[in-house]
Amino acid sequence: MKKVLVVDDAIFMRTILKDILVKNGFEVVGEAGNGLEAIEQFKTHKPDIVTMDITMPEMDGIVALQELKKIDQNATVCMVSAMGQEKIILESIKSGAKDFIVKPFNAEDVIQKMTKLSA
C-alpha cells in the first residue's frame, strides 16, 4: 500500500483527496495545510507520494516542492492546483514535480495519475 501525504490549505480539498485515495487502496499518512507543515510531515512520515497544492499560506507549493527535493531528491510529488496555466505547470515540472492534477478534478483522473506515480 503506497503512503501519501496530502497538502492543501483547504480542509475540504484534503478531505476529498483523502477519501478518493483511501477508497482506492492508498494509505494517507499525513495532511498539511501549508508548505512548512508539508516539510515537517514529509520528514516524519516519509511518504511514497505527496499531493501538493500550489497557492498556500506560509510557504507555497512550488517552494515546498523545491525544499522536499533538497531533503530527498527522489521525492515523488504531484502538484494539485486550480492554476492550470502552462507557465505554472512548467515551473512545477522544472522544480521536480512528477505530474500535475488540475482542480476541479475527478476521482478517475486522480487515481489514474496516482497509480502511474506509484508504479
N, C-alpha and C. Protein backbone atom coordinates (compact mmCIF):
# COMPACT_ATOMS: atom_id res chain seq x y z
N MET A 1 0.85 -1.18 0.00
CA MET A 1 0.00 0.00 0.00
C MET A 1 0.90 1.25 0.00
N LYS A 2 0.69 2.12 -0.96
CA LYS A 2 1.50 3.32 -1.07
C LYS A 2 1.05 4.38 -0.06
N LYS A 3 2.02 5.01 0.58
CA LYS A 3 1.75 6.04 1.59
C LYS A 3 1.75 7.41 0.92
N VAL A 4 0.70 8.19 1.23
CA VAL A 4 0.53 9.50 0.60
C VAL A 4 0.40 10.59 1.67
N LEU A 5 1.06 11.73 1.40
CA LEU A 5 0.91 12.94 2.21
C LEU A 5 0.08 13.91 1.38
N VAL A 6 -1.04 14.39 1.93
CA VAL A 6 -1.94 15.30 1.22
C VAL A 6 -1.73 16.72 1.75
N VAL A 7 -1.33 17.63 0.84
CA VAL A 7 -1.04 19.00 1.23
C VAL A 7 -1.96 19.98 0.49
N ASP A 8 -2.78 20.70 1.24
CA ASP A 8 -3.68 21.70 0.67
C ASP A 8 -4.14 22.59 1.81
N ASP A 9 -4.25 23.90 1.58
CA ASP A 9 -4.69 24.78 2.66
C ASP A 9 -6.18 24.68 2.92
N ALA A 10 -6.93 24.11 1.99
CA ALA A 10 -8.38 23.95 2.17
C ALA A 10 -8.68 22.56 2.75
N ILE A 11 -9.26 22.54 3.95
CA ILE A 11 -9.57 21.27 4.61
C ILE A 11 -10.48 20.40 3.75
N PHE A 12 -11.48 21.01 3.10
CA PHE A 12 -12.41 20.21 2.30
C PHE A 12 -11.71 19.55 1.12
N MET A 13 -10.70 20.21 0.55
CA MET A 13 -9.93 19.61 -0.55
C MET A 13 -9.12 18.42 -0.05
N ARG A 14 -8.51 18.58 1.11
CA ARG A 14 -7.75 17.46 1.70
C ARG A 14 -8.68 16.29 1.95
N THR A 15 -9.88 16.58 2.45
CA THR A 15 -10.85 15.53 2.76
C THR A 15 -11.27 14.80 1.49
N ILE A 16 -11.56 15.54 0.43
CA ILE A 16 -11.97 14.92 -0.84
C ILE A 16 -10.85 14.04 -1.38
N LEU A 17 -9.64 14.58 -1.42
CA LEU A 17 -8.50 13.80 -1.93
C LEU A 17 -8.26 12.56 -1.07
N LYS A 18 -8.31 12.74 0.24
CA LYS A 18 -8.10 11.61 1.16
C LYS A 18 -9.12 10.51 0.91
N ASP A 19 -10.39 10.88 0.77
CA ASP A 19 -11.45 9.89 0.52
C ASP A 19 -11.20 9.13 -0.77
N ILE A 20 -10.85 9.84 -1.83
CA ILE A 20 -10.58 9.20 -3.13
C ILE A 20 -9.42 8.21 -2.99
N LEU A 21 -8.35 8.65 -2.34
CA LEU A 21 -7.16 7.82 -2.20
C LEU A 21 -7.42 6.58 -1.35
N VAL A 22 -8.03 6.77 -0.19
CA VAL A 22 -8.28 5.65 0.72
C VAL A 22 -9.20 4.61 0.07
N LYS A 23 -10.24 5.08 -0.63
CA LYS A 23 -11.17 4.15 -1.29
C LYS A 23 -10.51 3.35 -2.40
N ASN A 24 -9.34 3.82 -2.85
CA ASN A 24 -8.66 3.16 -3.95
C ASN A 24 -7.33 2.53 -3.53
N GLY A 25 -7.21 2.23 -2.25
CA GLY A 25 -6.09 1.43 -1.77
C GLY A 25 -4.82 2.17 -1.39
N PHE A 26 -4.88 3.49 -1.29
CA PHE A 26 -3.72 4.25 -0.82
C PHE A 26 -3.87 4.51 0.67
N GLU A 27 -2.75 4.66 1.36
CA GLU A 27 -2.78 5.00 2.78
C GLU A 27 -2.36 6.45 2.95
N VAL A 28 -3.26 7.27 3.48
CA VAL A 28 -2.93 8.68 3.72
C VAL A 28 -2.28 8.75 5.10
N VAL A 29 -0.95 9.03 5.10
CA VAL A 29 -0.19 9.00 6.35
C VAL A 29 -0.11 10.36 7.03
N GLY A 30 -0.50 11.41 6.31
CA GLY A 30 -0.46 12.73 6.90
C GLY A 30 -1.14 13.77 6.04
N GLU A 31 -1.44 14.90 6.67
CA GLU A 31 -2.04 16.03 5.98
C GLU A 31 -1.33 17.30 6.42
N ALA A 32 -1.25 18.26 5.51
CA ALA A 32 -0.64 19.54 5.85
C ALA A 32 -1.42 20.67 5.19
N GLY A 33 -1.47 21.82 5.86
CA GLY A 33 -2.22 22.96 5.36
C GLY A 33 -1.37 24.03 4.71
N ASN A 34 -0.04 23.83 4.74
CA ASN A 34 0.86 24.77 4.07
C ASN A 34 2.20 24.09 3.81
N GLY A 35 3.08 24.77 3.11
CA GLY A 35 4.36 24.18 2.73
C GLY A 35 5.27 23.85 3.90
N LEU A 36 5.25 24.70 4.94
CA LEU A 36 6.08 24.42 6.11
C LEU A 36 5.63 23.14 6.81
N GLU A 37 4.31 22.99 6.98
CA GLU A 37 3.77 21.76 7.58
C GLU A 37 4.11 20.56 6.69
N ALA A 38 4.05 20.75 5.38
CA ALA A 38 4.34 19.66 4.44
C ALA A 38 5.75 19.12 4.65
N ILE A 39 6.70 20.02 4.84
CA ILE A 39 8.09 19.60 5.03
C ILE A 39 8.23 18.79 6.32
N GLU A 40 7.60 19.27 7.40
CA GLU A 40 7.66 18.53 8.67
C GLU A 40 6.99 17.16 8.55
N GLN A 41 5.81 17.13 7.92
CA GLN A 41 5.09 15.86 7.73
C GLN A 41 5.90 14.89 6.86
N PHE A 42 6.57 15.43 5.85
CA PHE A 42 7.39 14.62 4.95
C PHE A 42 8.52 13.95 5.73
N LYS A 43 9.18 14.74 6.57
CA LYS A 43 10.28 14.19 7.38
C LYS A 43 9.78 13.12 8.35
N THR A 44 8.60 13.35 8.92
CA THR A 44 8.04 12.43 9.90
C THR A 44 7.56 11.13 9.27
N HIS A 45 6.80 11.23 8.17
CA HIS A 45 6.11 10.07 7.61
C HIS A 45 6.80 9.40 6.44
N LYS A 46 7.74 10.08 5.79
CA LYS A 46 8.43 9.55 4.61
C LYS A 46 7.46 8.89 3.62
N PRO A 47 6.51 9.68 3.10
CA PRO A 47 5.51 9.13 2.18
C PRO A 47 6.11 8.75 0.83
N ASP A 48 5.41 7.85 0.13
CA ASP A 48 5.82 7.46 -1.22
C ASP A 48 5.47 8.55 -2.23
N ILE A 49 4.34 9.23 -1.97
CA ILE A 49 3.84 10.27 -2.88
C ILE A 49 3.32 11.44 -2.05
N VAL A 50 3.54 12.66 -2.56
CA VAL A 50 2.98 13.86 -1.93
C VAL A 50 2.08 14.54 -2.96
N THR A 51 0.83 14.85 -2.57
CA THR A 51 -0.01 15.70 -3.42
C THR A 51 0.15 17.11 -2.85
N MET A 52 0.50 18.06 -3.71
CA MET A 52 0.88 19.40 -3.25
C MET A 52 0.09 20.49 -3.95
N ASP A 53 -0.69 21.22 -3.16
CA ASP A 53 -1.36 22.41 -3.68
C ASP A 53 -0.29 23.47 -3.95
N ILE A 54 -0.59 24.46 -4.79
CA ILE A 54 0.41 25.48 -5.07
C ILE A 54 0.18 26.74 -4.23
N THR A 55 -1.03 27.26 -4.24
CA THR A 55 -1.30 28.51 -3.53
C THR A 55 -1.68 28.22 -2.09
N MET A 56 -0.73 28.49 -1.17
CA MET A 56 -0.96 28.24 0.25
C MET A 56 -0.27 29.32 1.07
N PRO A 57 -0.74 29.54 2.31
CA PRO A 57 -0.06 30.50 3.19
C PRO A 57 1.27 29.92 3.69
N GLU A 58 2.08 30.75 4.32
CA GLU A 58 3.36 30.38 4.92
C GLU A 58 4.43 30.07 3.88
N MET A 59 4.18 29.06 3.06
CA MET A 59 5.11 28.67 2.00
C MET A 59 4.31 28.03 0.89
N ASP A 60 4.46 28.54 -0.34
CA ASP A 60 3.66 27.98 -1.43
C ASP A 60 4.18 26.61 -1.85
N GLY A 61 3.39 25.94 -2.67
CA GLY A 61 3.70 24.56 -3.05
C GLY A 61 4.96 24.39 -3.87
N ILE A 62 5.28 25.36 -4.70
CA ILE A 62 6.49 25.22 -5.53
C ILE A 62 7.74 25.34 -4.67
N VAL A 63 7.75 26.28 -3.73
CA VAL A 63 8.89 26.41 -2.82
C VAL A 63 8.99 25.15 -1.94
N ALA A 64 7.84 24.67 -1.45
CA ALA A 64 7.84 23.45 -0.64
C ALA A 64 8.37 22.26 -1.44
N LEU A 65 7.96 22.16 -2.70
CA LEU A 65 8.45 21.10 -3.59
C LEU A 65 9.98 21.17 -3.69
N GLN A 66 10.50 22.36 -3.90
CA GLN A 66 11.96 22.54 -4.02
C GLN A 66 12.66 22.12 -2.72
N GLU A 67 12.05 22.45 -1.59
CA GLU A 67 12.63 22.06 -0.29
C GLU A 67 12.58 20.55 -0.09
N LEU A 68 11.47 19.92 -0.50
CA LEU A 68 11.36 18.46 -0.37
C LEU A 68 12.43 17.78 -1.22
N LYS A 69 12.69 18.33 -2.39
CA LYS A 69 13.70 17.75 -3.28
C LYS A 69 15.10 17.87 -2.67
N LYS A 70 15.33 18.91 -1.85
CA LYS A 70 16.61 19.04 -1.15
C LYS A 70 16.75 17.95 -0.08
N ILE A 71 15.63 17.61 0.56
CA ILE A 71 15.63 16.58 1.60
C ILE A 71 15.77 15.20 0.96
N ASP A 72 15.02 14.97 -0.12
CA ASP A 72 15.04 13.68 -0.81
C ASP A 72 14.87 13.94 -2.30
N GLN A 73 15.96 13.83 -3.04
CA GLN A 73 15.91 14.12 -4.48
C GLN A 73 14.99 13.18 -5.23
N ASN A 74 14.64 12.03 -4.63
CA ASN A 74 13.74 11.08 -5.28
C ASN A 74 12.28 11.24 -4.84
N ALA A 75 11.99 12.28 -4.08
CA ALA A 75 10.61 12.51 -3.62
C ALA A 75 9.67 12.57 -4.82
N THR A 76 8.54 11.87 -4.71
CA THR A 76 7.53 11.88 -5.77
C THR A 76 6.42 12.84 -5.37
N VAL A 77 6.33 13.95 -6.11
CA VAL A 77 5.35 14.99 -5.78
C VAL A 77 4.45 15.24 -6.99
N CYS A 78 3.15 15.23 -6.75
CA CYS A 78 2.15 15.54 -7.77
C CYS A 78 1.47 16.84 -7.37
N MET A 79 1.63 17.88 -8.17
CA MET A 79 1.01 19.16 -7.87
C MET A 79 -0.49 19.08 -8.13
N VAL A 80 -1.27 19.71 -7.27
CA VAL A 80 -2.73 19.74 -7.40
C VAL A 80 -3.14 21.20 -7.25
N SER A 81 -3.63 21.79 -8.35
CA SER A 81 -3.96 23.21 -8.26
C SER A 81 -5.00 23.62 -9.29
N ALA A 82 -5.74 24.66 -8.94
CA ALA A 82 -6.69 25.24 -9.88
C ALA A 82 -5.96 26.09 -10.91
N MET A 83 -4.73 26.40 -10.61
CA MET A 83 -3.96 27.24 -11.52
C MET A 83 -3.30 26.36 -12.59
N GLY A 84 -4.03 26.08 -13.64
CA GLY A 84 -3.55 25.17 -14.65
C GLY A 84 -2.80 25.83 -15.78
N GLN A 85 -2.35 27.08 -15.59
CA GLN A 85 -1.64 27.76 -16.65
C GLN A 85 -0.33 27.05 -16.96
N GLU A 86 0.01 27.07 -18.23
CA GLU A 86 1.19 26.36 -18.71
C GLU A 86 2.46 26.78 -17.95
N LYS A 87 2.61 28.08 -17.68
CA LYS A 87 3.81 28.58 -17.00
C LYS A 87 3.99 27.93 -15.63
N ILE A 88 2.90 27.81 -14.88
CA ILE A 88 2.98 27.23 -13.54
C ILE A 88 3.23 25.74 -13.61
N ILE A 89 2.60 25.07 -14.57
CA ILE A 89 2.85 23.63 -14.75
C ILE A 89 4.32 23.41 -15.09
N LEU A 90 4.85 24.21 -16.02
CA LEU A 90 6.26 24.07 -16.40
C LEU A 90 7.19 24.35 -15.22
N GLU A 91 6.88 25.36 -14.42
CA GLU A 91 7.70 25.67 -13.26
C GLU A 91 7.68 24.52 -12.26
N SER A 92 6.51 23.91 -12.09
CA SER A 92 6.38 22.76 -11.18
C SER A 92 7.21 21.58 -11.66
N ILE A 93 7.11 21.28 -12.95
CA ILE A 93 7.85 20.15 -13.52
C ILE A 93 9.36 20.43 -13.43
N LYS A 94 9.75 21.66 -13.75
CA LYS A 94 11.15 22.05 -13.68
C LYS A 94 11.68 21.92 -12.25
N SER A 95 10.83 22.17 -11.28
CA SER A 95 11.22 22.09 -9.87
C SER A 95 11.23 20.65 -9.36
N GLY A 96 10.74 19.72 -10.17
CA GLY A 96 10.81 18.31 -9.78
C GLY A 96 9.49 17.59 -9.61
N ALA A 97 8.35 18.25 -9.88
CA ALA A 97 7.06 17.56 -9.78
C ALA A 97 6.99 16.48 -10.85
N LYS A 98 6.39 15.36 -10.49
CA LYS A 98 6.27 14.23 -11.43
C LYS A 98 5.00 14.30 -12.27
N ASP A 99 3.98 15.03 -11.78
CA ASP A 99 2.73 15.13 -12.51
C ASP A 99 1.95 16.33 -11.97
N PHE A 100 0.79 16.60 -12.58
CA PHE A 100 0.01 17.78 -12.24
C PHE A 100 -1.47 17.43 -12.37
N ILE A 101 -2.23 17.66 -11.33
CA ILE A 101 -3.69 17.46 -11.35
C ILE A 101 -4.33 18.84 -11.25
N VAL A 102 -5.23 19.15 -12.19
CA VAL A 102 -5.89 20.46 -12.20
C VAL A 102 -7.25 20.35 -11.50
N LYS A 103 -7.48 21.28 -10.55
CA LYS A 103 -8.79 21.38 -9.88
C LYS A 103 -9.74 22.13 -10.80
N PRO A 104 -11.01 21.83 -10.83
CA PRO A 104 -11.62 20.71 -10.12
C PRO A 104 -11.26 19.39 -10.79
N PHE A 105 -10.94 18.40 -10.00
CA PHE A 105 -10.53 17.11 -10.55
C PHE A 105 -11.64 16.09 -10.36
N ASN A 106 -11.54 14.98 -11.07
CA ASN A 106 -12.46 13.88 -10.83
C ASN A 106 -11.66 12.70 -10.28
N ALA A 107 -12.33 11.81 -9.59
CA ALA A 107 -11.68 10.69 -8.91
C ALA A 107 -10.88 9.83 -9.88
N GLU A 108 -11.44 9.57 -11.07
CA GLU A 108 -10.75 8.71 -12.04
C GLU A 108 -9.40 9.30 -12.43
N ASP A 109 -9.35 10.60 -12.67
CA ASP A 109 -8.11 11.27 -13.06
C ASP A 109 -7.08 11.17 -11.93
N VAL A 110 -7.53 11.42 -10.70
CA VAL A 110 -6.63 11.36 -9.55
C VAL A 110 -6.04 9.96 -9.42
N ILE A 111 -6.89 8.94 -9.47
CA ILE A 111 -6.42 7.57 -9.29
C ILE A 111 -5.51 7.14 -10.44
N GLN A 112 -5.86 7.53 -11.65
CA GLN A 112 -5.01 7.19 -12.80
C GLN A 112 -3.60 7.75 -12.60
N LYS A 113 -3.51 9.01 -12.22
CA LYS A 113 -2.19 9.64 -12.05
C LYS A 113 -1.45 9.07 -10.84
N MET A 114 -2.16 8.86 -9.75
CA MET A 114 -1.52 8.33 -8.55
C MET A 114 -1.04 6.90 -8.76
N THR A 115 -1.81 6.11 -9.50
CA THR A 115 -1.41 4.73 -9.80
C THR A 115 -0.16 4.73 -10.66
N LYS A 116 -0.13 5.62 -11.65
CA LYS A 116 1.06 5.74 -12.51
C LYS A 116 2.28 6.13 -11.69
N LEU A 117 2.10 7.07 -10.76
CA LEU A 117 3.22 7.53 -9.93
C LEU A 117 3.70 6.46 -8.96
N SER A 118 2.82 5.57 -8.57
CA SER A 118 3.19 4.55 -7.58
C SER A 118 3.74 3.29 -8.22
N ALA A 119 3.74 3.25 -9.55
CA ALA A 119 4.20 2.03 -10.25
C ALA A 119 5.71 1.88 -10.13
